[in-house]
Amino acid sequence: MDLLLNNSNSFKDSIASNFKQRLFHRLKSKGMIMDIIPSYIRSMKICLVNKPNMNPLQANKQLQLLGWNDIELDYDIIQLAIACFETEGIL
């Protein structure tokens, strides 16, 4: 049973890692510097935990209130973030 549980957790971690890598890549392709991406993702987490169904316009407004004015989120980035946070058990 422990082996099955460990394999399940390992698989879940692998999926979460894949979503996170894709999210990093997408933000980098939007022009974000790699060093600030983790902070930006934390801010996205704060916004999406409070309202996971927000649209890109709402998310951008919330992130601007947190000081993130230089990047515009799109639908794909929000969906990647939600998938990442769900696999981490945050949403």
C-alpha atoms as a PDB file:
ATOM      1  CA  MET A   1       0.000   0.000   0.000  1.00  0.00           C
ATOM      2  CA  ASP A   2       2.861   2.402   0.822  1.00  0.00           C
ATOM      3  CA  LEU A   3       4.425   1.763  -2.580  1.00  0.00           C
ATOM      4  CA  LEU A   4       1.144   2.580  -4.313  1.00  0.00           C
ATOM      5  CA  LEU A   5       0.768   5.777  -2.266  1.00  0.00           C
ATOM      6  CA  ASN A   6       4.356   6.822  -2.998  1.00  0.00           C
ATOM      7  CA  ASN A   7       3.868   6.205  -6.730  1.00  0.00           C
ATOM      8  CA  SER A   8       0.678   8.244  -6.655  1.00  0.00           C
ATOM      9  CA  ASN A   9       2.418  11.143  -4.889  1.00  0.00           C
ATOM     10  CA  SER A  10       5.353  10.909  -7.290  1.00  0.00           C
ATOM     11  CA  PHE A  11       3.009  11.037 -10.288  1.00  0.00           C
ATOM     12  CA  LYS A  12       1.152  14.000  -8.794  1.00  0.00           C
ATOM     13  CA  ASP A  13       4.451  15.817  -8.144  1.00  0.00           C
ATOM     14  CA  SER A  14       5.512  15.137 -11.732  1.00  0.00           C
ATOM     15  CA  ILE A  15       2.287  16.644 -13.088  1.00  0.00           C
ATOM     16  CA  ALA A  16       2.621  19.687 -10.806  1.00  0.00           C
ATOM     17  CA  SER A  17       6.221  20.137 -11.932  1.00  0.00           C
ATOM     18  CA  ASN A  18       5.176  19.952 -15.588  1.00  0.00           C
ATOM     19  CA  PHE A  19       2.494  22.625 -15.132  1.00  0.00           C
ATOM     20  CA  LYS A  20       4.935  24.836 -13.233  1.00  0.00           C
ATOM     21  CA  GLN A  21       7.590  24.489 -15.954  1.00  0.00           C
ATOM     22  CA  ARG A  22       5.038  25.374 -18.624  1.00  0.00           C
ATOM     23  CA  LEU A  23       3.890  28.368 -16.566  1.00  0.00           C
ATOM     24  CA  PHE A  24       7.503  29.564 -16.154  1.00  0.00           C
ATOM     25  CA  HIS A  25       8.109  29.164 -19.892  1.00  0.00           C
ATOM     26  CA  ARG A  26       4.928  31.034 -20.812  1.00  0.00           C
ATOM     27  CA  LEU A  27       5.735  33.945 -18.484  1.00  0.00           C
ATOM     28  CA  LYS A  28       9.291  34.080 -19.815  1.00  0.00           C
ATOM     29  CA  SER A  29       7.961  34.171 -23.386  1.00  0.00           C
ATOM     30  CA  LYS A  30       5.856  37.193 -22.355  1.00  0.00           C
ATOM     31  CA  GLY A  31       9.100  38.980 -21.464  1.00  0.00           C
ATOM     32  CA  MET A  32       9.285  38.338 -17.735  1.00  0.00           C
ATOM     33  CA  ILE A  33      12.749  37.924 -16.207  1.00  0.00           C
ATOM     34  CA  MET A  34      13.268  34.440 -14.708  1.00  0.00           C
ATOM     35  CA  ASP A  35      14.384  35.835 -11.336  1.00  0.00           C
ATOM     36  CA  ILE A  36      11.029  37.521 -10.679  1.00  0.00           C
ATOM     37  CA  ILE A  37       8.748  34.758 -11.966  1.00  0.00           C
ATOM     38  CA  PRO A  38       8.484  32.964  -8.568  1.00  0.00           C
ATOM     39  CA  SER A  39       7.330  36.206  -6.909  1.00  0.00           C
ATOM     40  CA  TYR A  40       4.830  36.806  -9.679  1.00  0.00           C
ATOM     41  CA  ILE A  41       3.460  33.275  -9.321  1.00  0.00           C
ATOM     42  CA  ARG A  42       3.029  33.838  -5.567  1.00  0.00           C
ATOM     43  CA  SER A  43       1.044  36.992  -6.349  1.00  0.00           C
ATOM     44  CA  MET A  44      -1.075  35.075  -8.863  1.00  0.00           C
ATOM     45  CA  LYS A  45      -1.711  32.502  -6.149  1.00  0.00           C
ATOM     46  CA  ILE A  46      -2.936  35.209  -3.768  1.00  0.00           C
ATOM     47  CA  CYS A  47      -5.345  36.535  -6.392  1.00  0.00           C
ATOM     48  CA  LEU A  48      -6.659  33.186  -7.602  1.00  0.00           C
ATOM     49  CA  VAL A  49      -7.172  31.688  -4.143  1.00  0.00           C
ATOM     50  CA  ASN A  50      -9.597  34.507  -3.396  1.00  0.00           C
ATOM     51  CA  LYS A  51     -11.429  34.196  -6.719  1.00  0.00           C
ATOM     52  CA  PRO A  52     -10.370  31.247  -8.899  1.00  0.00           C
ATOM     53  CA  ASN A  53     -12.917  31.986 -11.644  1.00  0.00           C
ATOM     54  CA  MET A  54     -11.734  35.488 -12.473  1.00  0.00           C
ATOM     55  CA  ASN A  55     -11.172  36.421 -16.087  1.00  0.00           C
ATOM     56  CA  PRO A  56      -7.883  37.863 -17.419  1.00  0.00           C
ATOM     57  CA  LEU A  57      -9.062  41.476 -17.055  1.00  0.00           C
ATOM     58  CA  GLN A  58      -9.964  40.958 -13.393  1.00  0.00           C
ATOM     59  CA  ALA A  59      -6.727  39.069 -12.731  1.00  0.00           C
ATOM     60  CA  ASN A  60      -4.646  41.836 -14.315  1.00  0.00           C
ATOM     61  CA  LYS A  61      -6.403  44.455 -12.195  1.00  0.00           C
ATOM     62  CA  GLN A  62      -5.750  42.454  -9.028  1.00  0.00           C
ATOM     63  CA  LEU A  63      -2.103  41.948  -9.930  1.00  0.00           C
ATOM     64  CA  GLN A  64      -1.733  45.657 -10.674  1.00  0.00           C
ATOM     65  CA  LEU A  65      -3.007  46.385  -7.170  1.00  0.00           C
ATOM     66  CA  LEU A  66      -0.134  44.207  -5.939  1.00  0.00           C
ATOM     67  CA  GLY A  67       2.334  46.236  -8.010  1.00  0.00           C
ATOM     68  CA  TRP A  68       2.611  44.081 -11.148  1.00  0.00           C
ATOM     69  CA  ASN A  69       2.088  46.569 -13.959  1.00  0.00           C
ATOM     70  CA  ASP A  70       4.503  45.292 -16.600  1.00  0.00           C
ATOM     71  CA  ILE A  71       2.815  42.116 -17.808  1.00  0.00           C
ATOM     72  CA  GLU A  72      -0.639  41.327 -19.125  1.00  0.00           C
ATOM     73  CA  LEU A  73      -2.028  37.924 -18.260  1.00  0.00           C
ATOM     74  CA  ASP A  74      -3.956  36.037 -20.864  1.00  0.00           C
ATOM     75  CA  TYR A  75      -6.429  33.195 -20.587  1.00  0.00           C
ATOM     76  CA  ASP A  76      -3.778  30.501 -21.191  1.00  0.00           C
ATOM     77  CA  ILE A  77      -1.529  31.755 -18.384  1.00  0.00           C
ATOM     78  CA  ILE A  78      -4.419  31.853 -15.941  1.00  0.00           C
ATOM     79  CA  GLN A  79      -5.457  28.314 -16.891  1.00  0.00           C
ATOM     80  CA  LEU A  80      -1.881  27.059 -16.469  1.00  0.00           C
ATOM     81  CA  ALA A  81      -1.666  28.757 -13.078  1.00  0.00           C
ATOM     82  CA  ILE A  82      -4.970  27.252 -11.959  1.00  0.00           C
ATOM     83  CA  ALA A  83      -3.875  23.774 -13.092  1.00  0.00           C
ATOM     84  CA  CYS A  84      -0.569  24.215 -11.276  1.00  0.00           C
ATOM     85  CA  PHE A  85      -2.236  25.389  -8.060  1.00  0.00           C
ATOM     86  CA  GLU A  86      -4.856  22.634  -8.212  1.00  0.00           C
ATOM     87  CA  THR A  87      -2.218  19.912  -8.493  1.00  0.00           C
ATOM     88  CA  GLU A  88      -0.439  21.480  -5.515  1.00  0.00           C
ATOM     89  CA  GLY A  89      -3.716  21.316  -3.571  1.00  0.00           C
ATOM     90  CA  ILE A  90      -3.980  25.093  -3.215  1.00  0.00           C
ATOM     91  CA  LEU A  91      -7.217  25.534  -5.182  1.00  0.00           C
END
